[in-house]
N, C-alpha and C. Protein backbone atom coordinates (compact mmCIF):
# COMPACT_ATOMS: atom_id res chain seq x y z
N UNK A 1 77.80 -36.19 89.29
CA UNK A 1 76.94 -35.26 88.64
C UNK A 1 75.49 -35.19 89.29
N UNK A 2 75.05 -34.11 89.93
CA UNK A 2 73.74 -34.12 90.75
C UNK A 2 72.62 -33.94 90.00
N UNK A 3 71.73 -34.87 90.10
CA UNK A 3 70.55 -35.23 89.41
C UNK A 3 69.61 -33.90 89.81
N UNK A 4 68.93 -33.45 88.49
CA UNK A 4 68.03 -31.92 88.78
C UNK A 4 67.01 -32.33 89.71
N UNK A 5 66.40 -33.56 89.64
CA UNK A 5 65.20 -33.95 90.70
C UNK A 5 65.77 -33.78 92.15
N UNK A 6 66.96 -34.41 92.03
CA UNK A 6 67.57 -33.99 93.63
C UNK A 6 67.56 -32.57 94.05
N UNK A 7 68.14 -31.85 92.94
CA UNK A 7 68.19 -30.30 93.20
C UNK A 7 66.98 -29.63 93.44
N UNK A 8 65.99 -30.06 92.88
CA UNK A 8 64.66 -29.36 93.45
C UNK A 8 64.12 -29.90 94.60
N UNK A 9 64.36 -31.25 94.82
CA UNK A 9 63.96 -31.68 96.38
C UNK A 9 64.50 -30.99 97.43
N UNK A 10 65.75 -30.34 97.08
CA UNK A 10 66.46 -30.11 97.97
C UNK A 10 66.23 -28.50 98.09
N UNK A 11 65.75 -27.96 97.30
CA UNK A 11 65.57 -26.61 97.07
C UNK A 11 63.75 -26.55 97.74
N UNK A 12 63.15 -27.65 97.37
CA UNK A 12 61.89 -27.34 98.01
C UNK A 12 61.84 -27.70 99.44
N UNK A 13 62.96 -28.52 99.95
CA UNK A 13 62.72 -28.73 101.38
C UNK A 13 63.16 -27.51 101.92
N UNK A 14 64.26 -26.89 101.46
CA UNK A 14 65.17 -25.60 101.79
C UNK A 14 63.68 -24.46 102.09
N UNK A 15 63.10 -24.49 101.23
CA UNK A 15 62.02 -23.50 101.00
C UNK A 15 61.04 -23.81 102.11
N UNK A 16 60.64 -24.93 102.21
CA UNK A 16 59.44 -25.59 103.19
C UNK A 16 60.03 -25.03 104.72
N UNK A 17 61.31 -25.03 104.94
CA UNK A 17 61.93 -24.64 106.29
C UNK A 17 61.64 -23.31 106.43
N UNK A 18 62.02 -22.60 105.55
CA UNK A 18 61.90 -21.28 105.46
C UNK A 18 60.50 -20.71 105.74
N UNK A 19 59.43 -21.49 105.14
CA UNK A 19 58.17 -21.08 105.06
C UNK A 19 57.66 -21.04 106.45
N UNK A 20 57.85 -22.17 107.01
CA UNK A 20 57.46 -22.89 108.40
C UNK A 20 58.06 -21.84 109.35
N UNK A 21 59.46 -21.71 109.39
CA UNK A 21 59.83 -20.88 110.32
C UNK A 21 59.58 -19.39 110.54
N UNK A 22 59.29 -18.95 109.20
CA UNK A 22 58.93 -17.43 109.09
C UNK A 22 57.81 -17.21 110.04
N UNK A 23 56.63 -18.10 109.72
CA UNK A 23 55.43 -18.20 110.81
C UNK A 23 55.75 -17.96 112.42
N UNK A 24 56.86 -18.89 112.46
CA UNK A 24 56.94 -18.95 114.22
C UNK A 24 57.51 -17.55 114.56
N UNK A 25 58.64 -17.54 113.75
CA UNK A 25 59.42 -16.54 113.96
C UNK A 25 58.60 -15.01 114.39
N UNK A 26 57.65 -14.97 113.30
CA UNK A 26 56.72 -13.82 113.63
C UNK A 26 56.33 -13.80 114.95
N UNK A 27 55.80 -14.55 115.26
CA UNK A 27 55.20 -14.76 116.56
C UNK A 27 55.89 -14.94 117.88
N UNK A 28 57.41 -15.30 117.59
CA UNK A 28 58.35 -15.55 118.80
C UNK A 28 59.47 -14.97 118.73
N UNK A 29 59.88 -14.20 117.54
CA UNK A 29 61.10 -13.72 117.60
C UNK A 29 62.39 -14.62 116.89
N UNK A 30 63.41 -14.22 116.78
CA UNK A 30 64.30 -14.98 116.19
C UNK A 30 65.23 -15.91 117.08
N UNK A 31 65.35 -15.14 118.10
CA UNK A 31 66.54 -15.82 119.06
C UNK A 31 65.44 -16.63 120.09
N UNK A 32 64.34 -16.68 119.96
CA UNK A 32 63.41 -17.49 121.11
C UNK A 32 63.05 -18.85 120.31
N UNK A 33 63.18 -18.99 119.21
CA UNK A 33 62.61 -20.10 118.43
C UNK A 33 63.98 -21.12 118.15
N UNK A 34 63.78 -22.19 118.70
CA UNK A 34 65.04 -23.28 118.30
C UNK A 34 64.65 -24.03 117.04
N UNK A 35 65.62 -24.47 116.61
CA UNK A 35 65.77 -25.31 115.38
C UNK A 35 65.21 -26.65 115.53
N UNK A 36 64.87 -27.02 116.60
CA UNK A 36 63.96 -28.25 116.96
C UNK A 36 62.48 -27.92 116.50
N UNK A 37 61.90 -27.00 117.15
CA UNK A 37 60.59 -26.11 116.63
C UNK A 37 60.41 -26.33 115.56
N UNK A 38 61.17 -25.70 114.78
CA UNK A 38 61.27 -25.45 113.25
C UNK A 38 61.10 -26.64 112.49
N UNK A 39 62.02 -27.58 112.72
CA UNK A 39 62.16 -28.84 111.95
C UNK A 39 61.00 -29.75 112.29
N UNK A 40 60.70 -29.86 113.29
CA UNK A 40 59.39 -30.44 113.97
C UNK A 40 57.92 -30.10 113.08
N UNK A 41 57.83 -28.99 113.09
CA UNK A 41 56.63 -28.16 112.62
C UNK A 41 56.59 -28.35 111.12
N UNK A 42 57.88 -28.43 110.46
CA UNK A 42 58.01 -28.40 108.96
C UNK A 42 58.14 -29.82 108.55
N UNK A 43 57.86 -30.77 109.58
CA UNK A 43 58.19 -32.38 109.27
C UNK A 43 59.58 -32.52 108.60
N UNK A 44 60.59 -32.24 108.88
CA UNK A 44 61.92 -32.29 108.53
C UNK A 44 62.74 -32.84 109.40
N UNK A 45 63.18 -34.13 109.25
CA UNK A 45 64.17 -34.80 110.47
C UNK A 45 65.40 -34.03 111.15
N UNK A 46 65.16 -33.79 112.11
CA UNK A 46 65.86 -32.80 113.00
C UNK A 46 67.53 -32.90 112.69
N UNK A 47 67.98 -33.79 112.25
CA UNK A 47 69.60 -33.93 112.07
C UNK A 47 69.89 -33.53 110.77
N UNK A 48 68.94 -33.26 109.74
CA UNK A 48 69.22 -32.68 108.20
C UNK A 48 69.26 -31.18 108.08
N UNK A 49 69.27 -30.40 109.26
CA UNK A 49 69.06 -28.82 109.05
C UNK A 49 70.33 -28.42 108.39
N UNK A 50 71.42 -28.95 108.61
CA UNK A 50 72.77 -28.45 108.08
C UNK A 50 72.74 -29.04 106.92
N UNK A 51 72.21 -29.83 106.11
CA UNK A 51 72.38 -30.17 104.87
C UNK A 51 71.65 -29.06 104.16
N UNK A 52 71.00 -28.00 104.77
CA UNK A 52 70.28 -26.76 103.89
C UNK A 52 70.91 -25.75 104.34
N UNK A 53 71.43 -25.42 105.59
CA UNK A 53 71.99 -24.17 106.08
C UNK A 53 73.15 -24.71 106.82
N UNK A 54 74.16 -23.81 106.74
CA UNK A 54 75.53 -23.92 107.54
C UNK A 54 75.39 -23.52 108.97
N UNK A 55 74.41 -22.88 109.15
CA UNK A 55 74.18 -22.07 110.76
C UNK A 55 72.86 -21.61 110.81
N UNK A 56 72.44 -21.06 111.91
CA UNK A 56 71.30 -20.76 112.12
C UNK A 56 71.12 -19.34 111.58
N UNK A 57 72.16 -18.45 111.63
CA UNK A 57 72.67 -17.27 111.22
C UNK A 57 72.40 -17.16 109.85
N UNK A 58 72.92 -18.27 108.93
CA UNK A 58 72.81 -18.32 107.46
C UNK A 58 71.29 -18.41 107.20
N UNK A 59 70.47 -19.46 107.97
CA UNK A 59 69.21 -19.62 107.83
C UNK A 59 68.56 -18.27 107.83
N UNK A 60 68.91 -17.68 108.89
CA UNK A 60 68.04 -16.37 109.08
C UNK A 60 68.39 -15.45 107.94
N UNK A 61 69.48 -15.03 107.58
CA UNK A 61 69.65 -14.49 106.53
C UNK A 61 69.16 -14.81 105.19
N UNK A 62 69.08 -16.18 104.82
CA UNK A 62 67.98 -16.64 103.67
C UNK A 62 66.92 -16.72 103.94
N UNK A 63 66.41 -16.63 105.22
CA UNK A 63 64.82 -16.22 105.22
C UNK A 63 64.24 -14.79 104.95
N UNK A 64 65.47 -13.82 105.33
CA UNK A 64 65.03 -12.62 105.19
C UNK A 64 65.01 -12.31 103.79
N UNK A 65 66.29 -12.72 102.79
CA UNK A 65 66.36 -12.58 101.55
C UNK A 65 65.44 -13.07 100.94
N UNK A 66 64.34 -14.31 101.29
CA UNK A 66 63.21 -14.87 100.60
C UNK A 66 62.16 -13.87 100.92
N UNK A 67 62.06 -13.33 101.87
CA UNK A 67 61.12 -12.35 102.50
C UNK A 67 60.91 -11.21 101.64
N UNK A 68 62.05 -10.61 101.37
CA UNK A 68 62.19 -9.50 100.71
C UNK A 68 62.04 -9.78 98.97
N UNK A 69 62.68 -10.95 98.70
CA UNK A 69 62.14 -11.12 97.09
C UNK A 69 60.66 -11.19 96.93
N UNK A 70 60.06 -11.92 97.95
CA UNK A 70 58.44 -12.38 97.70
C UNK A 70 57.94 -10.87 97.96
N UNK A 71 58.34 -9.87 98.74
CA UNK A 71 57.71 -8.69 99.38
C UNK A 71 57.82 -7.88 98.12
N UNK A 72 58.82 -7.91 97.36
CA UNK A 72 59.20 -7.17 95.99
C UNK A 72 58.33 -7.33 95.14
N UNK A 73 58.09 -8.75 94.71
CA UNK A 73 57.14 -9.12 93.75
C UNK A 73 55.83 -8.58 93.76
N UNK A 74 55.18 -8.88 94.93
CA UNK A 74 54.03 -8.26 95.61
C UNK A 74 54.02 -6.82 95.39
N UNK A 75 54.94 -5.94 95.49
CA UNK A 75 55.14 -4.45 95.64
C UNK A 75 55.23 -3.91 94.18
N UNK A 76 55.66 -4.75 93.41
CA UNK A 76 55.84 -4.48 92.01
C UNK A 76 54.48 -4.58 91.18
N UNK A 77 53.68 -5.58 91.74
CA UNK A 77 52.31 -5.78 91.49
C UNK A 77 51.28 -4.51 91.76
N UNK A 78 51.45 -4.29 93.20
CA UNK A 78 50.73 -3.27 93.94
C UNK A 78 50.81 -1.89 93.31
N UNK A 79 52.40 -1.63 92.78
CA UNK A 79 52.17 -0.25 92.38
C UNK A 79 52.58 -0.24 90.92
N UNK A 80 51.97 -1.29 90.32
CA UNK A 80 51.96 -1.30 88.77
C UNK A 80 51.34 -0.25 88.19
N UNK A 81 51.46 0.63 86.85
CA UNK A 81 50.50 1.30 86.33
C UNK A 81 49.21 0.70 85.96
N UNK A 82 49.08 -0.37 85.74
CA UNK A 82 47.52 -1.21 85.71
C UNK A 82 46.91 -1.01 86.68
N UNK A 83 47.25 -0.52 88.17
CA UNK A 83 46.67 -0.51 89.19
C UNK A 83 45.81 0.57 89.46
N UNK A 84 45.82 1.44 88.30
CA UNK A 84 45.25 3.17 88.60
C UNK A 84 46.34 3.99 88.53
N UNK A 85 45.69 5.35 88.96
CA UNK A 85 46.40 6.63 89.33
C UNK A 85 47.55 6.22 90.35
N UNK A 86 48.48 6.91 90.21
CA UNK A 86 49.58 7.05 91.46
C UNK A 86 48.81 7.27 92.63
N UNK A 87 48.17 7.91 92.76
CA UNK A 87 47.57 8.49 93.97
C UNK A 87 46.65 7.08 94.75
N UNK A 88 46.25 6.55 93.76
CA UNK A 88 45.06 5.32 93.98
C UNK A 88 45.94 3.96 94.44
N UNK A 89 47.07 4.03 93.74
CA UNK A 89 48.25 2.77 93.90
C UNK A 89 48.70 3.11 95.19
N UNK A 90 49.20 4.24 95.66
CA UNK A 90 49.83 4.41 97.23
C UNK A 90 48.82 4.45 97.80
N UNK A 91 47.71 4.84 97.76
CA UNK A 91 46.82 4.60 99.05
C UNK A 91 46.27 3.40 99.32
N UNK A 92 46.37 2.72 98.03
CA UNK A 92 45.67 1.19 98.33
C UNK A 92 46.93 0.38 98.78
N UNK A 93 48.11 0.65 98.72
CA UNK A 93 49.37 -0.35 99.15
C UNK A 93 49.45 0.34 100.90
N UNK A 94 49.58 1.49 101.01
CA UNK A 94 49.42 1.69 102.61
C UNK A 94 48.52 1.42 103.27
N UNK A 95 46.97 1.22 102.71
CA UNK A 95 46.06 0.91 103.32
C UNK A 95 45.96 -0.67 103.57
N UNK A 96 46.64 -1.30 102.70
CA UNK A 96 46.98 -2.94 103.07
C UNK A 96 47.60 -3.17 104.12
N UNK A 97 48.67 -2.27 104.20
CA UNK A 97 49.89 -2.27 105.24
C UNK A 97 49.34 -1.96 106.41
N UNK A 98 48.17 -0.86 106.53
CA UNK A 98 47.46 -0.76 107.84
C UNK A 98 46.92 -2.02 108.39
N UNK A 99 46.02 -2.49 107.30
CA UNK A 99 44.98 -3.42 107.70
C UNK A 99 45.73 -4.82 108.08
N UNK A 100 46.74 -4.87 107.33
CA UNK A 100 47.40 -6.18 107.70
C UNK A 100 48.32 -6.11 109.10
N UNK A 101 48.81 -4.98 109.24
CA UNK A 101 49.67 -4.94 110.71
C UNK A 101 48.60 -4.66 111.77
N UNK A 102 47.43 -4.40 111.27
CA UNK A 102 46.48 -4.30 113.01
C UNK A 102 45.29 -5.51 112.78
N UNK A 103 45.53 -6.43 112.10
CA UNK A 103 44.91 -7.67 111.84
C UNK A 103 45.26 -8.67 113.37
N UNK A 104 44.52 -9.68 113.41
CA UNK A 104 44.62 -10.67 114.47
C UNK A 104 45.51 -11.61 113.99
N UNK A 105 46.03 -11.79 112.50
CA UNK A 105 46.69 -13.01 112.08
C UNK A 105 48.10 -12.47 112.37
N UNK A 106 48.90 -13.50 112.34
CA UNK A 106 50.55 -13.49 112.32
C UNK A 106 51.36 -13.41 111.31
N UNK A 107 50.69 -14.41 110.19
CA UNK A 107 51.48 -14.58 109.09
C UNK A 107 51.70 -13.43 108.11
N UNK A 108 50.99 -12.64 108.21
CA UNK A 108 51.06 -11.22 107.25
C UNK A 108 51.59 -10.32 107.67
N UNK A 109 52.31 -10.29 109.23
CA UNK A 109 52.69 -9.32 109.78
C UNK A 109 54.04 -8.75 109.12
N UNK A 110 54.93 -7.67 109.52
CA UNK A 110 55.94 -7.19 108.94
C UNK A 110 57.10 -7.94 109.64
N UNK A 111 58.05 -8.71 108.81
CA UNK A 111 59.10 -9.32 109.31
C UNK A 111 60.29 -8.27 109.67
N UNK A 112 60.44 -7.17 108.93
CA UNK A 112 61.26 -6.18 109.19
C UNK A 112 61.16 -5.48 110.56
N UNK A 113 59.88 -5.09 111.14
CA UNK A 113 59.41 -4.63 112.38
C UNK A 113 59.88 -5.79 113.65
N UNK A 114 59.44 -6.89 113.02
CA UNK A 114 59.55 -8.08 114.13
C UNK A 114 61.19 -8.21 114.48
N UNK A 115 62.17 -8.37 113.52
CA UNK A 115 63.19 -8.70 113.64
C UNK A 115 64.29 -7.38 113.62
N UNK A 116 64.06 -6.15 113.48
CA UNK A 116 64.85 -5.13 113.16
C UNK A 116 65.89 -5.17 114.67
N UNK A 117 65.25 -4.83 115.44
CA UNK A 117 65.77 -4.39 116.74
C UNK A 117 66.60 -5.60 117.26
N UNK A 118 66.20 -6.74 116.96
CA UNK A 118 66.59 -8.20 117.63
C UNK A 118 67.83 -8.30 116.66
N UNK A 119 67.91 -8.77 115.41
CA UNK A 119 68.81 -9.36 114.80
C UNK A 119 70.15 -8.25 114.58
N UNK A 120 69.94 -7.21 114.30
CA UNK A 120 70.85 -6.08 113.97
C UNK A 120 72.03 -6.28 115.15
N UNK A 121 71.80 -6.58 116.24
CA UNK A 121 72.76 -6.76 117.32
C UNK A 121 73.31 -7.96 117.38
N UNK A 122 72.68 -9.08 116.61
CA UNK A 122 73.01 -10.35 116.71
C UNK A 122 74.16 -10.66 115.60
N UNK A 123 73.60 -10.35 114.38
CA UNK A 123 74.16 -10.85 113.02
C UNK A 123 74.56 -9.83 112.12
N UNK A 124 75.57 -9.25 111.66
CA UNK A 124 75.86 -8.19 110.60
C UNK A 124 75.28 -8.64 109.32
N UNK A 125 75.47 -9.99 108.73
CA UNK A 125 74.96 -10.15 107.86
C UNK A 125 73.34 -10.21 107.67
N UNK A 126 72.60 -10.27 108.73
CA UNK A 126 71.28 -10.47 108.74
C UNK A 126 71.08 -8.94 108.64
N UNK A 127 71.77 -7.87 109.31
CA UNK A 127 71.44 -6.75 109.39
C UNK A 127 71.80 -5.82 108.20
N UNK A 128 72.61 -6.36 107.16
CA UNK A 128 72.89 -5.86 105.96
C UNK A 128 71.78 -6.43 105.18
N UNK A 129 71.30 -7.74 105.22
CA UNK A 129 70.06 -8.01 104.29
C UNK A 129 68.85 -7.29 104.73
N UNK A 130 68.86 -7.03 105.73
CA UNK A 130 67.55 -6.06 106.26
C UNK A 130 67.85 -4.60 105.72
N UNK A 131 69.11 -3.97 105.63
CA UNK A 131 69.11 -2.87 104.99
C UNK A 131 69.13 -2.96 103.26
N UNK A 132 69.59 -3.71 102.92
CA UNK A 132 69.52 -4.02 101.42
C UNK A 132 67.90 -4.19 100.99
N UNK A 133 67.26 -4.92 101.83
CA UNK A 133 65.74 -5.31 101.47
C UNK A 133 64.95 -3.98 101.59
N UNK A 134 65.13 -3.57 102.77
CA UNK A 134 64.46 -2.19 102.85
C UNK A 134 64.76 -0.98 101.91
N UNK A 135 66.00 -0.96 101.30
CA UNK A 135 66.28 0.06 100.27
C UNK A 135 65.69 -0.23 99.04
N UNK A 136 65.61 -1.35 98.88
CA UNK A 136 64.94 -1.97 97.72
C UNK A 136 63.52 -1.40 97.64
N UNK A 137 62.78 -1.85 98.67
CA UNK A 137 61.47 -1.58 98.75
C UNK A 137 61.23 0.04 98.84
N UNK A 138 61.78 0.98 99.41
CA UNK A 138 62.11 2.12 99.51
C UNK A 138 62.33 2.90 97.87
N UNK A 139 63.10 2.09 97.24
CA UNK A 139 63.48 2.62 95.70
C UNK A 139 62.38 2.42 95.11
N UNK A 140 61.62 1.30 95.17
CA UNK A 140 60.61 1.00 94.23
C UNK A 140 59.14 1.89 94.71
N UNK A 141 59.17 2.36 95.91
CA UNK A 141 58.05 3.42 96.24
C UNK A 141 58.57 4.43 95.76
N UNK A 142 59.72 5.04 95.69
CA UNK A 142 60.09 6.17 95.28
C UNK A 142 60.11 6.50 93.65
N UNK A 143 60.09 5.35 92.85
CA UNK A 143 59.89 5.20 91.23
C UNK A 143 58.29 5.77 91.35
N UNK A 144 57.68 5.12 91.78
CA UNK A 144 56.05 5.57 91.99
C UNK A 144 55.74 7.04 92.22
N UNK A 145 56.33 7.39 93.46
CA UNK A 145 56.19 8.67 93.70
C UNK A 145 56.78 9.64 92.65
N UNK A 146 57.57 9.29 92.13
CA UNK A 146 58.32 10.04 91.05
C UNK A 146 57.50 10.23 89.79
N UNK A 147 56.89 9.25 89.50
CA UNK A 147 55.94 9.04 88.24
C UNK A 147 54.75 10.08 88.56
N UNK A 148 54.39 10.05 89.89
CA UNK A 148 53.39 11.06 90.35
C UNK A 148 53.60 12.43 90.18
N UNK A 149 55.14 12.55 90.54
CA UNK A 149 55.70 14.11 90.36
C UNK A 149 55.77 14.58 88.76
N UNK A 150 56.17 13.60 88.04
CA UNK A 150 56.28 13.90 86.55
C UNK A 150 55.02 13.85 85.70
N UNK A 151 53.95 13.31 86.48
CA UNK A 151 52.69 13.47 85.67
C UNK A 151 51.60 14.57 86.16
N UNK A 152 52.12 14.93 87.01
CA UNK A 152 51.44 16.16 87.87
C UNK A 152 50.65 16.00 88.88
N UNK A 153 50.38 14.63 89.25
CA UNK A 153 49.42 14.04 90.26
C UNK A 153 49.94 14.24 91.59
N UNK A 154 51.16 14.52 91.89
CA UNK A 154 51.84 14.87 93.41
C UNK A 154 52.52 16.24 93.06
N UNK A 155 52.62 16.88 94.15
CA UNK A 155 53.27 18.34 94.29
C UNK A 155 54.61 18.39 93.49
N UNK A 156 54.68 19.30 92.59
CA UNK A 156 56.21 19.31 91.77
C UNK A 156 57.26 19.76 92.80
N UNK A 157 57.21 20.19 94.02
CA UNK A 157 58.43 20.51 94.57
C UNK A 157 59.07 19.30 95.23
N UNK A 158 58.33 18.45 95.32
CA UNK A 158 58.88 17.36 96.45
C UNK A 158 59.93 16.50 95.57
N UNK A 159 60.75 15.94 96.56
CA UNK A 159 61.92 15.31 96.19
C UNK A 159 61.74 13.68 96.50
N UNK A 160 61.43 13.04 95.58
CA UNK A 160 60.94 11.61 95.56
C UNK A 160 61.43 10.80 96.51
N UNK A 161 62.73 10.88 96.38
CA UNK A 161 63.63 9.74 97.21
C UNK A 161 63.48 10.44 98.72
N UNK A 162 63.56 11.78 99.08
CA UNK A 162 63.46 11.97 100.18
C UNK A 162 62.29 12.14 100.81
N UNK A 163 61.15 12.19 100.29
CA UNK A 163 59.67 12.16 100.80
C UNK A 163 59.52 10.95 101.09
N UNK A 164 59.77 9.82 100.10
CA UNK A 164 59.72 8.49 100.18
C UNK A 164 60.16 7.90 101.54
N UNK A 165 61.46 8.15 101.80
CA UNK A 165 62.31 7.89 102.92
C UNK A 165 61.59 8.20 104.12
N UNK A 166 60.93 9.57 104.09
CA UNK A 166 60.12 10.14 105.36
C UNK A 166 59.12 9.60 105.56
N UNK A 167 58.33 8.73 104.57
CA UNK A 167 57.11 8.10 104.49
C UNK A 167 57.42 6.72 105.26
N UNK A 168 58.44 6.29 104.37
CA UNK A 168 58.92 5.08 105.11
C UNK A 168 59.19 4.58 106.43
N UNK A 169 59.88 5.47 106.61
CA UNK A 169 60.66 5.68 108.15
C UNK A 169 59.22 5.60 109.07
N UNK A 170 58.49 6.59 108.82
CA UNK A 170 57.19 7.19 109.67
C UNK A 170 56.59 5.79 109.76
N UNK A 171 56.13 5.07 108.74
CA UNK A 171 55.07 3.98 108.73
C UNK A 171 55.87 2.66 109.46
N UNK A 172 57.15 2.52 109.25
CA UNK A 172 57.83 1.32 110.02
C UNK A 172 57.62 1.76 111.57
N UNK A 173 58.18 2.96 111.86
CA UNK A 173 57.82 3.41 113.36
C UNK A 173 56.53 3.29 113.83
N UNK A 174 55.36 3.65 112.96
CA UNK A 174 54.06 3.69 113.42
C UNK A 174 53.61 1.81 113.51
N UNK A 175 54.12 1.22 112.75
CA UNK A 175 53.87 -0.13 112.96
C UNK A 175 54.47 -0.84 114.31
N UNK A 176 55.60 -0.18 114.52
CA UNK A 176 56.41 -0.90 116.03
C UNK A 176 55.41 -0.40 117.11
N UNK A 177 54.82 0.92 117.07
CA UNK A 177 54.01 1.75 118.11
C UNK A 177 52.51 1.08 118.22
N UNK A 178 52.06 0.59 116.90
CA UNK A 178 50.87 -0.17 117.00
C UNK A 178 50.93 -1.47 117.56
N UNK A 179 52.13 -2.13 117.71
CA UNK A 179 52.36 -3.52 118.57
C UNK A 179 52.29 -3.14 119.94
N UNK A 180 53.09 -1.74 120.27
CA UNK A 180 53.24 -1.58 121.83
C UNK A 180 52.02 -1.36 122.10
N UNK A 181 51.04 -0.41 121.40
CA UNK A 181 49.94 0.19 122.09
C UNK A 181 48.80 -0.67 121.80
N UNK A 182 48.69 -1.80 120.87
CA UNK A 182 47.76 -2.51 120.68
C UNK A 182 46.57 -1.52 120.22
N UNK A 183 46.92 -0.60 119.29
CA UNK A 183 45.91 0.40 118.83
C UNK A 183 46.30 0.45 117.32
N UNK A 184 45.46 0.84 116.52
CA UNK A 184 45.46 1.31 115.01
C UNK A 184 45.92 2.85 115.28
N UNK A 185 45.89 3.48 116.19
CA UNK A 185 46.12 5.28 115.91
C UNK A 185 47.54 5.24 115.45
N UNK A 186 48.51 4.80 115.79
CA UNK A 186 49.90 5.28 115.07
C UNK A 186 49.83 4.98 113.69
N UNK A 187 49.38 4.00 112.98
CA UNK A 187 49.22 3.73 111.75
C UNK A 187 48.24 4.62 110.91
N UNK A 188 47.12 4.84 111.53
CA UNK A 188 46.01 5.81 111.06
C UNK A 188 46.81 7.32 111.08
N UNK A 189 47.62 7.42 111.99
CA UNK A 189 48.35 8.96 112.17
C UNK A 189 49.37 8.88 111.04
N UNK A 190 49.91 7.78 110.81
CA UNK A 190 50.87 7.72 109.59
C UNK A 190 50.39 8.05 108.42
N UNK A 191 48.97 7.30 108.22
CA UNK A 191 48.21 7.56 106.96
C UNK A 191 47.80 8.74 106.75
N UNK A 192 47.14 9.67 107.62
CA UNK A 192 47.10 11.26 107.76
C UNK A 192 47.90 11.91 107.12
N UNK A 193 49.42 11.47 108.04
CA UNK A 193 50.22 12.49 107.85
C UNK A 193 50.77 12.14 106.56
N UNK A 194 50.84 10.90 105.72
CA UNK A 194 51.22 10.68 104.67
C UNK A 194 50.51 11.40 103.50
N UNK A 195 48.78 11.53 103.47
CA UNK A 195 48.18 11.91 102.69
C UNK A 195 48.42 13.54 102.83
N UNK A 196 48.54 14.06 103.73
CA UNK A 196 48.90 15.57 103.86
C UNK A 196 50.43 15.70 103.29
N UNK A 197 51.51 15.05 103.44
CA UNK A 197 52.51 15.47 102.86
C UNK A 197 52.50 15.22 101.00
N UNK A 198 51.61 14.33 100.89
CA UNK A 198 51.78 14.17 98.98
C UNK A 198 50.46 14.97 98.64
N UNK A 199 49.78 15.42 99.41
CA UNK A 199 48.77 16.48 99.27
C UNK A 199 47.37 15.43 98.54
N UNK A 200 47.33 14.19 98.92
CA UNK A 200 46.40 13.14 98.38
C UNK A 200 44.88 13.55 98.97
């Protein structure tokens, strides 16, 4: 029988590898980062990686799952009714998105934008994790949009799921172009378009 403390240690070390790797991969990409760099930075013995993950692909999949679980927890807080009106919540959420994706730091950048084009051709498992994760994000935002429609804060003619898809796709694309152009303009354009679409 495995002792609970041993399970906790394994879980903690596994999480340490994921957390360390995420910051490195946000800067370099998935394929460009070797396991040795991750393990050295995480202060984990180089031979122990396969105690925690069967392969680099499984590790990448676990990292994405962890990213989305954490992101959804933060999104739930950001869009909760306690944060004010629907319009205020949506504006704050997307303003944080704009500021974080145009900052000079790496750790708060979008892993979806960083890895989508790269890993979807490398790994079907990682592609599906990205799909399910982004679906979860869109669905949570759509709940907030529907609340705004139901309460008369947002235009009654809107289809919550459709308009949320439209807005999310626009913001992900704008985030990518912000990286390409080294400019806030794409995300500022996305913000203006979203405000117009939702009549905010």
